[in-house]
Amino acid sequence: MTKPLLKIVYSAQTHTTGGREGRTISSDGHLDIALSLPQSMGGSGGATNPEQLFAAGYSACFLGALKFQAGIKDVLVPDDVSIDATVELGPTGECFGLAVSLSISLPGLNKVVAHDLIEAAHANCPYSIATRGNIPVTITLT
């Protein structure tokens, strides 16, 4: 069951034309990006694609959730924390689907504490909540 928003704290708006061979522009003008079909799918690969944007959004949101949980748990997150995100696109039978892998680096942090933070972030990250039960998401601590 979906949970309604109790309050809207931010609303992102974009205008996209041309699909995978088009352009996306945000309402505030900060994002103005050409889109291109990847070479592996027969395109030129000369610009970004929706999967790269999803990987960037998910990893940034997850890192924010990780830092938020660290604050709750009074854990200092290392300055060089990073997430390498992979979003894969492929056929699922009748249509196409996505799979996500997040590889999280928390250098110098105790492994037990790191895993606890990752689990808490995954339970609360809006992207994780949105994808849960819909696509495979693999998270590893590196």
Protein backbone atom coordinates (compact mmCIF):
# COMPACT_ATOMS: atom_id res chain seq x y z
CA MET A 1 0.00 0.00 0.00
CA THR A 2 1.30 3.44 -0.88
CA LYS A 3 1.62 6.15 1.72
CA PRO A 4 0.46 9.67 0.81
CA LEU A 5 2.76 12.60 1.41
CA LEU A 6 1.86 14.43 4.61
CA LYS A 7 3.50 17.59 3.31
CA ILE A 8 5.30 18.49 0.10
CA VAL A 9 8.72 19.93 0.94
CA TYR A 10 10.01 20.05 -2.64
CA SER A 11 8.66 19.49 -6.12
CA ALA A 12 10.96 18.83 -9.10
CA GLN A 13 9.62 19.59 -12.54
CA THR A 14 11.12 18.81 -15.91
CA HIS A 15 10.05 19.14 -19.52
CA THR A 16 11.29 16.41 -21.87
CA THR A 17 11.07 16.30 -25.64
CA GLY A 18 12.22 13.64 -28.08
CA GLY A 19 12.39 10.71 -25.64
CA ARG A 20 15.72 8.91 -25.60
CA GLU A 21 17.01 11.12 -28.43
CA GLY A 22 15.79 14.39 -26.96
CA ARG A 23 16.37 16.93 -24.25
CA THR A 24 15.29 17.43 -20.63
CA ILE A 25 15.08 20.84 -19.00
CA SER A 26 14.12 21.52 -15.38
CA SER A 27 11.68 24.29 -14.55
CA ASP A 28 14.40 26.22 -12.70
CA GLY A 29 16.87 25.86 -15.60
CA HIS A 30 19.57 24.15 -13.52
CA LEU A 31 19.19 20.95 -15.52
CA ASP A 32 19.36 21.31 -19.29
CA ILE A 33 20.65 18.11 -20.76
CA ALA A 34 20.68 16.34 -24.09
CA LEU A 35 19.59 12.70 -24.14
CA SER A 36 20.95 9.99 -26.39
CA LEU A 37 20.36 6.32 -26.89
CA PRO A 38 23.40 4.33 -25.65
CA GLN A 39 25.62 2.81 -28.33
CA SER A 40 24.83 -0.67 -27.00
CA MET A 41 21.20 0.01 -27.96
CA GLY A 42 22.06 1.31 -31.44
CA GLY A 43 22.33 5.00 -30.58
CA SER A 44 25.13 7.49 -30.85
CA GLY A 45 25.87 7.50 -27.12
CA GLY A 46 26.76 11.17 -27.45
CA ALA A 47 24.79 12.30 -24.41
CA THR A 48 23.39 11.01 -21.14
CA ASN A 49 20.45 8.64 -20.86
CA PRO A 50 17.61 7.98 -18.40
CA GLU A 51 19.46 5.12 -16.71
CA GLN A 52 22.46 7.33 -15.92
CA LEU A 53 20.14 9.98 -14.51
CA PHE A 54 18.38 7.36 -12.38
CA ALA A 55 21.74 6.06 -11.11
CA ALA A 56 22.81 9.60 -10.19
CA GLY A 57 19.52 10.36 -8.46
CA TYR A 58 19.35 7.09 -6.53
CA SER A 59 22.96 7.25 -5.32
CA ALA A 60 22.69 10.90 -4.26
CA CYS A 61 19.40 10.28 -2.45
CA PHE A 62 20.75 7.14 -0.77
CA LEU A 63 23.84 9.02 0.41
CA GLY A 64 21.58 11.69 1.86
CA ALA A 65 19.54 9.02 3.67
CA LEU A 66 22.78 7.45 4.95
CA LYS A 67 23.97 10.78 6.37
CA PHE A 68 20.55 11.43 7.89
CA GLN A 69 20.57 8.03 9.63
CA ALA A 70 24.14 8.65 10.80
CA GLY A 71 22.95 11.86 12.45
CA ILE A 72 20.15 10.01 14.23
CA LYS A 73 22.58 7.32 15.40
CA ASP A 74 25.30 9.85 16.31
CA VAL A 75 27.78 8.28 13.88
CA LEU A 76 30.35 10.39 12.05
CA VAL A 77 30.29 9.59 8.33
CA PRO A 78 33.72 9.77 6.69
CA ASP A 79 34.25 12.74 4.35
CA ASP A 80 35.23 10.39 1.54
CA VAL A 81 32.04 8.28 1.66
CA SER A 82 30.94 7.38 -1.87
CA ILE A 83 28.42 5.31 -3.78
CA ASP A 84 28.98 3.72 -7.17
CA ALA A 85 25.57 3.07 -8.72
CA THR A 86 24.80 0.80 -11.65
CA VAL A 87 21.42 0.78 -13.35
CA GLU A 88 20.91 -2.00 -15.84
CA LEU A 89 18.19 -2.11 -18.49
CA GLY A 90 17.06 -5.33 -20.11
CA PRO A 91 14.13 -7.38 -21.29
CA THR A 92 11.93 -9.08 -18.70
CA GLY A 93 9.83 -11.02 -21.18
CA GLU A 94 7.06 -8.83 -22.50
CA CYS A 95 8.72 -5.49 -21.66
CA PHE A 96 11.92 -3.95 -20.34
CA GLY A 97 12.93 -3.61 -16.71
CA LEU A 98 15.64 -2.20 -14.51
CA ALA A 99 18.04 -3.61 -11.92
CA VAL A 100 20.12 -1.49 -9.55
CA SER A 101 23.39 -2.12 -7.74
CA LEU A 102 24.75 0.28 -5.13
CA SER A 103 28.35 -0.20 -4.03
CA ILE A 104 28.94 1.85 -0.89
CA SER A 105 32.33 2.89 0.43
CA LEU A 106 32.54 4.03 4.06
CA PRO A 107 36.32 4.04 4.62
CA GLY A 108 37.47 3.76 8.20
CA LEU A 109 34.00 3.03 9.58
CA ASN A 110 33.48 -0.14 11.61
CA LYS A 111 31.83 -2.77 9.34
CA VAL A 112 29.01 -3.52 11.80
CA VAL A 113 28.20 0.18 12.17
CA ALA A 114 28.45 0.66 8.40
CA HIS A 115 26.03 -2.21 7.70
CA ASP A 116 23.61 -0.83 10.30
CA LEU A 117 23.68 2.60 8.63
CA ILE A 118 23.20 1.07 5.18
CA GLU A 119 20.20 -0.98 6.34
CA ALA A 120 18.62 2.07 7.99
CA ALA A 121 19.24 4.20 4.89
CA HIS A 122 17.77 1.53 2.60
CA ALA A 123 14.67 1.32 4.82
CA ASN A 124 14.15 5.10 4.62
CA CYS A 125 15.58 6.32 1.28
CA PRO A 126 12.73 7.51 -0.98
CA TYR A 127 14.29 5.79 -4.01
CA SER A 128 14.64 2.52 -2.07
CA ILE A 129 11.04 2.77 -0.93
CA ALA A 130 9.88 3.49 -4.49
CA THR A 131 11.79 0.55 -5.98
CA ARG A 132 11.18 -1.98 -3.18
CA GLY A 133 9.38 -5.01 -4.56
CA ASN A 134 9.43 -3.56 -8.08
CA ILE A 135 13.00 -4.07 -9.28
CA PRO A 136 16.04 -5.93 -7.97
CA VAL A 137 18.28 -3.72 -5.83
CA THR A 138 21.62 -5.07 -4.63
CA ILE A 139 23.60 -3.14 -2.03
CA THR A 140 27.16 -3.97 -1.08
CA LEU A 141 29.65 -2.43 1.30
CA THR A 142 33.09 -2.16 -0.29
